[in-house]
Amino acid sequence: MLSKDGTPCSSHLVLVSGVTLTSPVAQANAIATSILKKAPKQIIPMDFSCESSENIHSRSLNIPFTINELKVALSKMRHKSPGKDGITKKMISSLSHSNLFRVLGQFNELLSSAKVPESWRMSKIIPILKPGKNASEVNSYRPIALTSVLCKLFERMLLARLLKFYLQKKFFSPFQTGFLPYKGCDTLSAVVLHKILSARARKHLVYCISFDLKAAYDNVWHDGLMFKMLQSGIRVTCRSLDFQLPLGQKSFCVMERNLILHVQL
């Protein structure tokens, strides 16, 4: 467990029951239990096979990746801490041209088979103390997940294709600014400011509603999300998404004072 500045937290954890945990393994176990969230389960029968109707845009999702796609995705990645395998972006960037083609070949095999290494579905969790929170409470820690850099690279390549697919279909609302190219919070802020100034000039009122969904990510309906992607025209490629994205993640390990607790979901 680390504080915001990266220094170790020496505080003991106190459970709701009043039990004090002093053992590093017991503390890691408590942290792991607190972040085990179960998303809603309601299975929907889906068919992502090639027999389903495809257009030119959806077919482009399933062709092999090119070396240019790999290099562009690699150039956009940040130098972050590696996952459990220890592979960093610098290592991949230092590969020769021929070895990059080997990585590309492996990625294309994963794309066609829709299967990924089990190690990619393992993340290393480092609990970080939230600012101003009590260090003795389990829920005061934000789990930072470190996953495989190779998996992140593959995800980025896949995401670039999906984003291009949805942009060509004009799928997103014009007011959707998050996670889109050339848009961001400042885009939406400019729209809100324009609305306020326009209303002020006309001496009208402006009503704003701001809300936040607690644990929204933890409560994503996985099958419902996949079904929406199927409805939007995604076919074969989407099968691999179930494995690449954290939705399909099976296990993680919690780092606590250099000790690892492995938890199987």
Protein backbone atom coordinates (compact mmCIF):
# COMPACT_ATOMS: atom_id res chain seq x y z
CA MET A 1 0.00 0.00 0.00
CA LEU A 2 1.32 3.39 -1.03
CA SER A 3 0.43 6.98 -0.28
CA LYS A 4 -0.23 9.51 -3.04
CA ASP A 5 3.46 10.48 -3.22
CA GLY A 6 4.52 6.86 -3.60
CA THR A 7 5.82 6.31 -0.07
CA PRO A 8 4.71 3.13 1.77
CA CYS A 9 1.81 3.42 4.23
CA SER A 10 2.73 1.97 7.60
CA SER A 11 -0.79 2.16 9.02
CA HIS A 12 -2.68 -1.00 10.01
CA LEU A 13 -6.04 -1.75 8.40
CA VAL A 14 -9.16 -1.85 10.56
CA LEU A 15 -12.15 -3.76 9.22
CA VAL A 16 -15.76 -2.72 9.76
CA SER A 17 -16.05 -5.53 12.30
CA GLY A 18 -13.33 -3.84 14.36
CA VAL A 19 -10.63 -6.41 13.60
CA THR A 20 -7.17 -4.88 13.13
CA LEU A 21 -5.00 -6.38 10.40
CA THR A 22 -1.25 -6.15 10.94
CA SER A 23 -0.03 -8.94 8.64
CA PRO A 24 0.90 -7.76 5.11
CA VAL A 25 -0.78 -10.85 3.63
CA ALA A 26 -3.99 -10.22 5.60
CA GLN A 27 -3.99 -6.57 4.48
CA ALA A 28 -3.48 -7.56 0.85
CA ASN A 29 -6.29 -10.08 1.18
CA ALA A 30 -8.61 -7.42 2.60
CA ILE A 31 -7.77 -5.02 -0.24
CA ALA A 32 -8.39 -7.77 -2.79
CA THR A 33 -11.76 -8.62 -1.28
CA SER A 34 -12.83 -4.97 -1.32
CA ILE A 35 -12.19 -4.59 -5.07
CA LEU A 36 -13.89 -7.81 -6.08
CA LYS A 37 -16.96 -6.42 -7.80
CA LYS A 38 -19.48 -8.51 -9.70
CA ALA A 39 -21.08 -6.87 -12.71
CA PRO A 40 -24.73 -7.65 -13.52
CA LYS A 41 -25.14 -10.99 -15.25
CA GLN A 42 -27.86 -11.57 -17.80
CA ILE A 43 -26.70 -13.76 -20.65
CA ILE A 44 -27.83 -12.80 -24.15
CA PRO A 45 -27.35 -15.32 -26.99
CA MET A 46 -25.24 -13.58 -29.63
CA ASP A 47 -23.78 -14.50 -33.01
CA PHE A 48 -20.65 -12.66 -34.13
CA SER A 49 -19.93 -15.07 -36.96
CA CYS A 50 -18.97 -14.03 -40.49
CA GLU A 51 -22.26 -15.35 -41.83
CA SER A 52 -23.96 -12.27 -40.42
CA SER A 53 -24.39 -9.40 -42.85
CA GLU A 54 -21.25 -7.26 -43.24
CA ASN A 55 -20.60 -3.99 -44.98
CA ILE A 56 -17.33 -2.53 -46.19
CA HIS A 57 -16.68 -0.85 -42.85
CA SER A 58 -17.20 -3.96 -40.70
CA ARG A 59 -15.10 -6.10 -43.06
CA SER A 60 -12.17 -3.73 -42.57
CA LEU A 61 -12.16 -4.61 -38.86
CA ASN A 62 -11.19 -8.20 -39.54
CA ILE A 63 -8.31 -7.86 -41.99
CA PRO A 64 -4.76 -8.47 -40.65
CA PHE A 65 -3.00 -5.60 -38.90
CA THR A 66 -0.26 -3.79 -40.81
CA ILE A 67 3.19 -2.84 -39.54
CA ASN A 68 2.16 0.81 -39.83
CA GLU A 69 -0.77 0.26 -37.46
CA LEU A 70 1.61 -1.31 -34.94
CA LYS A 71 4.14 1.52 -35.19
CA VAL A 72 1.49 4.23 -34.87
CA ALA A 73 -0.04 2.54 -31.81
CA LEU A 74 3.40 2.07 -30.25
CA SER A 75 4.31 5.74 -30.81
CA LYS A 76 1.17 6.86 -28.98
CA MET A 77 1.82 4.71 -25.92
CA ARG A 78 3.24 6.30 -22.80
CA HIS A 79 6.16 4.96 -20.78
CA LYS A 80 4.29 3.44 -17.85
CA SER A 81 5.02 0.74 -15.30
CA PRO A 82 4.91 -2.77 -16.79
CA GLY A 83 2.56 -5.55 -15.84
CA LYS A 84 3.45 -8.81 -14.14
CA ASP A 85 5.54 -9.93 -17.15
CA GLY A 86 7.95 -6.99 -16.72
CA ILE A 87 7.88 -6.05 -20.44
CA THR A 88 8.11 -2.28 -21.00
CA LYS A 89 7.40 -0.02 -23.96
CA LYS A 90 11.12 0.73 -24.26
CA MET A 91 11.83 -2.97 -24.79
CA ILE A 92 9.30 -3.19 -27.62
CA SER A 93 10.48 0.08 -29.18
CA SER A 94 14.05 -1.25 -29.19
CA LEU A 95 13.16 -4.33 -31.24
CA SER A 96 14.57 -4.64 -34.74
CA HIS A 97 12.30 -4.28 -37.76
CA SER A 98 12.24 -8.06 -38.27
CA ASN A 99 11.33 -8.69 -34.63
CA LEU A 100 8.54 -6.11 -34.83
CA PHE A 101 7.14 -8.14 -37.71
CA ARG A 102 7.21 -11.19 -35.44
CA VAL A 103 5.17 -9.30 -32.85
CA LEU A 104 2.81 -8.23 -35.63
CA GLY A 105 2.45 -11.86 -36.73
CA GLN A 106 1.51 -12.89 -33.19
CA PHE A 107 -1.05 -10.09 -32.98
CA ASN A 108 -2.65 -11.17 -36.25
CA GLU A 109 -2.87 -14.75 -35.01
CA LEU A 110 -4.65 -13.48 -31.88
CA LEU A 111 -6.99 -11.38 -34.02
CA SER A 112 -7.99 -14.32 -36.22
CA SER A 113 -8.31 -16.83 -33.37
CA ALA A 114 -9.91 -14.39 -30.88
CA LYS A 115 -7.75 -15.91 -28.14
CA VAL A 116 -5.08 -14.27 -26.00
CA PRO A 117 -2.49 -15.52 -23.49
CA GLU A 118 -3.82 -16.06 -20.00
CA SER A 119 -0.99 -13.86 -18.70
CA TRP A 120 -2.62 -10.89 -20.44
CA ARG A 121 -5.65 -11.38 -18.25
CA MET A 122 -3.59 -11.00 -15.09
CA SER A 123 -3.12 -7.53 -13.63
CA LYS A 124 -0.87 -6.40 -10.79
CA ILE A 125 -2.80 -4.26 -8.30
CA ILE A 126 -1.06 -1.58 -6.24
CA PRO A 127 -3.32 0.06 -3.61
CA ILE A 128 -2.84 3.87 -3.50
CA LEU A 129 -4.21 5.85 -0.58
CA LYS A 130 -6.83 8.39 -1.69
CA PRO A 131 -6.05 12.02 -0.72
CA GLY A 132 -7.45 12.97 2.67
CA LYS A 133 -8.65 9.45 3.46
CA ASN A 134 -8.07 7.40 6.61
CA ALA A 135 -5.16 5.02 5.95
CA SER A 136 -6.61 2.41 8.31
CA GLU A 137 -9.79 1.90 6.25
CA VAL A 138 -9.87 -0.64 3.43
CA ASN A 139 -12.05 1.51 1.16
CA SER A 140 -9.59 4.42 1.42
CA TYR A 141 -7.35 2.87 -1.22
CA ARG A 142 -7.66 3.22 -4.98
CA PRO A 143 -6.54 0.08 -6.82
CA ILE A 144 -4.06 0.88 -9.61
CA ALA A 145 -3.97 -2.01 -12.10
CA LEU A 146 -0.76 -2.66 -14.02
CA THR A 147 -1.42 -4.86 -17.05
CA SER A 148 0.72 -6.25 -19.85
CA VAL A 149 2.19 -3.58 -22.16
CA LEU A 150 1.86 -6.01 -25.08
CA CYS A 151 -1.83 -6.36 -24.28
CA LYS A 152 -2.19 -2.56 -24.13
CA LEU A 153 -0.48 -2.27 -27.51
CA PHE A 154 -2.85 -4.81 -29.05
CA GLU A 155 -5.84 -3.06 -27.45
CA ARG A 156 -4.70 0.29 -28.86
CA MET A 157 -4.48 -1.15 -32.37
CA LEU A 158 -7.92 -2.70 -32.02
CA LEU A 159 -9.36 0.50 -30.55
CA ALA A 160 -8.04 2.56 -33.48
CA ARG A 161 -9.98 0.36 -35.90
CA LEU A 162 -13.14 0.44 -33.82
CA LEU A 163 -12.96 4.22 -33.46
CA LYS A 164 -12.53 4.66 -37.20
CA PHE A 165 -15.48 2.32 -37.78
CA TYR A 166 -17.81 4.26 -35.48
CA LEU A 167 -16.67 7.67 -36.73
CA GLN A 168 -17.37 6.64 -40.33
CA LYS A 169 -20.85 5.54 -39.29
CA LYS A 170 -21.37 8.80 -37.35
CA PHE A 171 -22.39 6.64 -34.43
CA PHE A 172 -21.58 9.08 -31.63
CA SER A 173 -23.73 11.96 -30.46
CA PRO A 174 -22.38 15.40 -31.43
CA PHE A 175 -22.27 16.13 -27.69
CA GLN A 176 -20.02 13.12 -27.03
CA THR A 177 -16.59 14.60 -26.36
CA GLY A 178 -14.87 12.06 -24.14
CA PHE A 179 -12.37 9.59 -25.66
CA LEU A 180 -12.73 11.02 -29.17
CA PRO A 181 -10.01 12.61 -31.34
CA TYR A 182 -9.76 16.41 -31.32
CA LYS A 183 -12.35 16.62 -28.54
CA GLY A 184 -12.22 16.80 -24.77
CA CYS A 185 -13.59 18.45 -21.65
CA ASP A 186 -12.70 21.90 -23.03
CA THR A 187 -14.96 21.22 -26.04
CA LEU A 188 -17.99 20.59 -23.88
CA SER A 189 -17.05 23.46 -21.55
CA ALA A 190 -17.11 25.81 -24.55
CA VAL A 191 -20.60 24.56 -25.47
CA VAL A 192 -21.87 25.10 -21.91
CA LEU A 193 -20.30 28.56 -21.76
CA HIS A 194 -21.95 29.49 -25.06
CA LYS A 195 -25.34 28.36 -23.74
CA ILE A 196 -24.89 30.40 -20.56
CA LEU A 197 -23.79 33.55 -22.36
CA SER A 198 -26.59 33.24 -24.91
CA ALA A 199 -29.20 32.82 -22.16
CA ARG A 200 -27.72 35.70 -20.21
CA ALA A 201 -27.93 38.00 -23.23
CA ARG A 202 -31.61 37.11 -23.63
CA LYS A 203 -32.20 37.30 -19.85
CA HIS A 204 -33.20 33.64 -19.76
CA LEU A 205 -32.48 31.02 -17.14
CA VAL A 206 -30.13 28.08 -17.64
CA TYR A 207 -30.69 24.84 -15.76
CA CYS A 208 -27.73 22.48 -15.35
CA ILE A 209 -27.70 18.99 -13.89
CA SER A 210 -24.47 17.28 -12.89
CA PHE A 211 -24.41 13.73 -11.62
CA ASP A 212 -21.89 10.99 -11.00
CA LEU A 213 -22.56 7.24 -11.11
CA LYS A 214 -20.98 5.42 -8.21
CA ALA A 215 -18.93 2.41 -9.29
CA ALA A 216 -20.23 2.81 -12.85
CA TYR A 217 -17.38 0.79 -14.37
CA ASP A 218 -17.85 -2.07 -11.89
CA ASN A 219 -21.52 -2.36 -12.83
CA VAL A 220 -21.17 -2.50 -16.60
CA TRP A 221 -23.52 -5.09 -18.07
CA HIS A 222 -21.02 -7.02 -20.19
CA ASP A 223 -23.44 -8.95 -22.37
CA GLY A 224 -25.56 -5.85 -22.88
CA LEU A 225 -22.49 -3.92 -24.05
CA MET A 226 -21.49 -6.71 -26.43
CA PHE A 227 -25.05 -6.87 -27.75
CA LYS A 228 -25.00 -3.16 -28.53
CA MET A 229 -21.76 -3.65 -30.45
CA LEU A 230 -23.37 -6.47 -32.41
CA GLN A 231 -26.32 -4.21 -33.24
CA SER A 232 -23.92 -1.50 -34.44
CA GLY A 233 -22.41 -3.84 -37.04
CA ILE A 234 -19.42 -5.40 -35.23
CA ARG A 235 -18.81 -9.02 -36.19
CA VAL A 236 -15.84 -11.36 -35.78
CA THR A 237 -13.42 -8.87 -34.23
CA CYS A 238 -15.74 -8.30 -31.30
CA ARG A 239 -15.18 -11.83 -30.06
CA SER A 240 -11.59 -10.93 -29.24
CA LEU A 241 -12.73 -7.83 -27.38
CA ASP A 242 -14.22 -10.01 -24.67
CA PHE A 243 -10.69 -11.17 -23.94
CA GLN A 244 -8.70 -7.98 -24.60
CA LEU A 245 -10.71 -5.55 -22.54
CA PRO A 246 -10.80 -5.74 -18.72
CA LEU A 247 -14.37 -7.05 -19.10
CA GLY A 248 -12.88 -10.48 -19.68
CA GLN A 249 -10.19 -10.24 -17.03
CA LYS A 250 -9.99 -13.35 -14.90
CA SER A 251 -7.43 -12.70 -12.19
CA PHE A 252 -5.20 -10.18 -10.47
CA CYS A 253 -2.59 -10.01 -7.75
CA VAL A 254 -2.26 -7.42 -5.00
CA MET A 255 1.20 -6.05 -4.15
CA GLU A 256 1.63 -5.42 -0.42
CA ARG A 257 5.10 -4.68 0.93
CA ASN A 258 6.69 -6.71 -1.89
CA LEU A 259 4.36 -9.64 -1.19
CA ILE A 260 1.95 -10.92 -3.84
CA LEU A 261 -1.47 -12.29 -3.13
CA HIS A 262 -2.99 -14.01 -6.15
CA VAL A 263 -6.74 -13.86 -6.41
CA GLN A 264 -8.76 -15.85 -8.98
CA LEU A 265 -12.02 -14.21 -10.03
